[in-house]
Amino acid sequence: MSDKPSIKPTAIDDAYMEQFTNDQLAYMAWDKSEFSLGVYLDEEESKCEDCTNDARFELMTAVLASKALIRRLTGVDPKTIRDRAFNKILRSNCFPQWETLQ
């Protein structure tokens, strides 16, 4: 038998994000978003599959951190906020008026 340490996988989900403070969540969201953006905007790194996979993971983590922070600060699920905002835009007259060329 080998004495390898057993490493348990960690699920990165909404429950995982609850362990962090607001400051940590805000920093995590910014840092991971910036990293991902840097990879996708870099001509060389954007062609590297391992780099883009890392960037995708970091971006998903940033979104989860943002959602946890928004939920904590507002007491409302972020998807509900987005739906309400979208519905408000649809009900308002804030879309530009244009005519089609048909």
Protein backbone atom coordinates (compact mmCIF):
# COMPACT_ATOMS: atom_id res chain seq x y z
CA MET A 1 0.00 0.00 0.00
CA SER A 2 1.20 3.46 -0.77
CA ASP A 3 0.99 6.35 1.65
CA LYS A 4 -0.25 8.87 -0.88
CA PRO A 5 -2.20 11.69 0.68
CA SER A 6 -5.80 11.58 -0.42
CA ILE A 7 -6.93 14.76 -2.08
CA LYS A 8 -10.65 15.32 -2.03
CA PRO A 9 -12.14 17.34 -4.86
CA THR A 10 -13.71 20.67 -3.99
CA ALA A 11 -16.92 21.69 -5.67
CA ILE A 12 -16.73 25.33 -6.70
CA ASP A 13 -20.35 26.39 -6.37
CA ASP A 14 -22.56 28.92 -4.59
CA ALA A 15 -22.14 27.13 -1.25
CA TYR A 16 -18.34 27.21 -1.61
CA MET A 17 -18.40 30.97 -2.18
CA GLU A 18 -20.26 31.61 1.09
CA GLN A 19 -17.07 31.04 3.08
CA PHE A 20 -15.49 34.25 1.73
CA THR A 21 -15.94 37.80 2.99
CA ASN A 22 -17.42 40.53 0.78
CA ASP A 23 -13.94 41.98 0.20
CA GLN A 24 -12.60 38.58 -0.82
CA LEU A 25 -15.50 37.96 -3.19
CA ALA A 26 -15.10 41.38 -4.80
CA TYR A 27 -11.38 40.86 -5.28
CA MET A 28 -11.89 37.32 -6.57
CA ALA A 29 -14.44 38.49 -9.12
CA TRP A 30 -12.18 41.27 -10.39
CA ASP A 31 -8.94 39.28 -10.37
CA LYS A 32 -10.31 36.22 -12.12
CA SER A 33 -12.18 38.32 -14.69
CA GLU A 34 -9.06 40.31 -15.47
CA PHE A 35 -7.00 37.12 -15.82
CA SER A 36 -9.55 35.64 -18.22
CA LEU A 37 -9.75 38.81 -20.26
CA GLY A 38 -5.96 38.91 -20.48
CA VAL A 39 -5.86 35.38 -21.86
CA TYR A 40 -8.57 35.95 -24.44
CA LEU A 41 -7.08 39.26 -25.59
CA ASP A 42 -3.53 37.93 -25.86
CA GLU A 43 -2.78 36.82 -29.39
CA GLU A 44 -0.64 33.85 -28.34
CA GLU A 45 -2.43 32.71 -25.19
CA SER A 46 -5.82 32.78 -26.88
CA LYS A 47 -4.56 30.08 -29.25
CA CYS A 48 -3.42 27.81 -26.41
CA GLU A 49 -6.13 25.33 -25.40
CA ASP A 50 -4.75 24.90 -21.86
CA CYS A 51 -4.68 28.68 -21.41
CA THR A 52 -8.25 29.15 -22.61
CA ASN A 53 -9.44 26.25 -20.44
CA ASP A 54 -7.83 27.94 -17.42
CA ALA A 55 -9.39 31.25 -18.41
CA ARG A 56 -12.81 29.65 -18.77
CA PHE A 57 -12.54 28.12 -15.29
CA GLU A 58 -11.39 31.43 -13.80
CA LEU A 59 -14.25 33.27 -15.52
CA MET A 60 -16.83 30.81 -14.18
CA THR A 61 -15.36 31.24 -10.70
CA ALA A 62 -15.54 35.03 -11.09
CA VAL A 63 -19.22 34.80 -12.03
CA LEU A 64 -19.96 32.64 -8.98
CA ALA A 65 -18.11 35.11 -6.74
CA SER A 66 -20.09 38.01 -8.24
CA LYS A 67 -23.39 36.19 -7.77
CA ALA A 68 -22.59 35.35 -4.14
CA LEU A 69 -21.60 38.96 -3.42
CA ILE A 70 -24.70 40.41 -5.11
CA ARG A 71 -26.97 37.97 -3.29
CA ARG A 72 -25.33 38.86 0.02
CA LEU A 73 -25.48 42.64 -0.52
CA THR A 74 -29.01 42.81 -1.88
CA GLY A 75 -30.69 39.80 -0.32
CA VAL A 76 -32.06 38.94 -3.77
CA ASP A 77 -30.94 36.31 -6.24
CA PRO A 78 -28.97 38.01 -9.06
CA LYS A 79 -31.03 36.25 -11.74
CA THR A 80 -34.17 37.81 -10.26
CA ILE A 81 -32.55 41.25 -10.40
CA ARG A 82 -31.56 40.69 -14.04
CA ASP A 83 -35.06 39.49 -14.95
CA ARG A 84 -36.68 42.50 -13.27
CA ALA A 85 -34.28 44.91 -14.96
CA PHE A 86 -34.86 43.29 -18.34
CA ASN A 87 -38.64 43.40 -17.90
CA LYS A 88 -38.43 47.07 -16.90
CA ILE A 89 -36.46 47.83 -20.05
CA LEU A 90 -38.98 45.95 -22.18
CA ARG A 91 -41.89 47.85 -20.62
CA SER A 92 -40.23 51.24 -21.00
CA ASN A 93 -39.82 53.32 -24.07
CA CYS A 94 -36.04 53.43 -23.90
CA PHE A 95 -35.25 51.50 -27.06
CA PRO A 96 -34.14 53.62 -30.00
CA GLN A 97 -36.77 54.27 -32.61
CA TRP A 98 -35.80 53.38 -36.13
CA GLU A 99 -37.43 52.37 -39.35
CA THR A 100 -36.44 49.37 -41.36
CA LEU A 101 -35.46 49.82 -44.97
CA GLN A 102 -37.96 47.39 -46.46
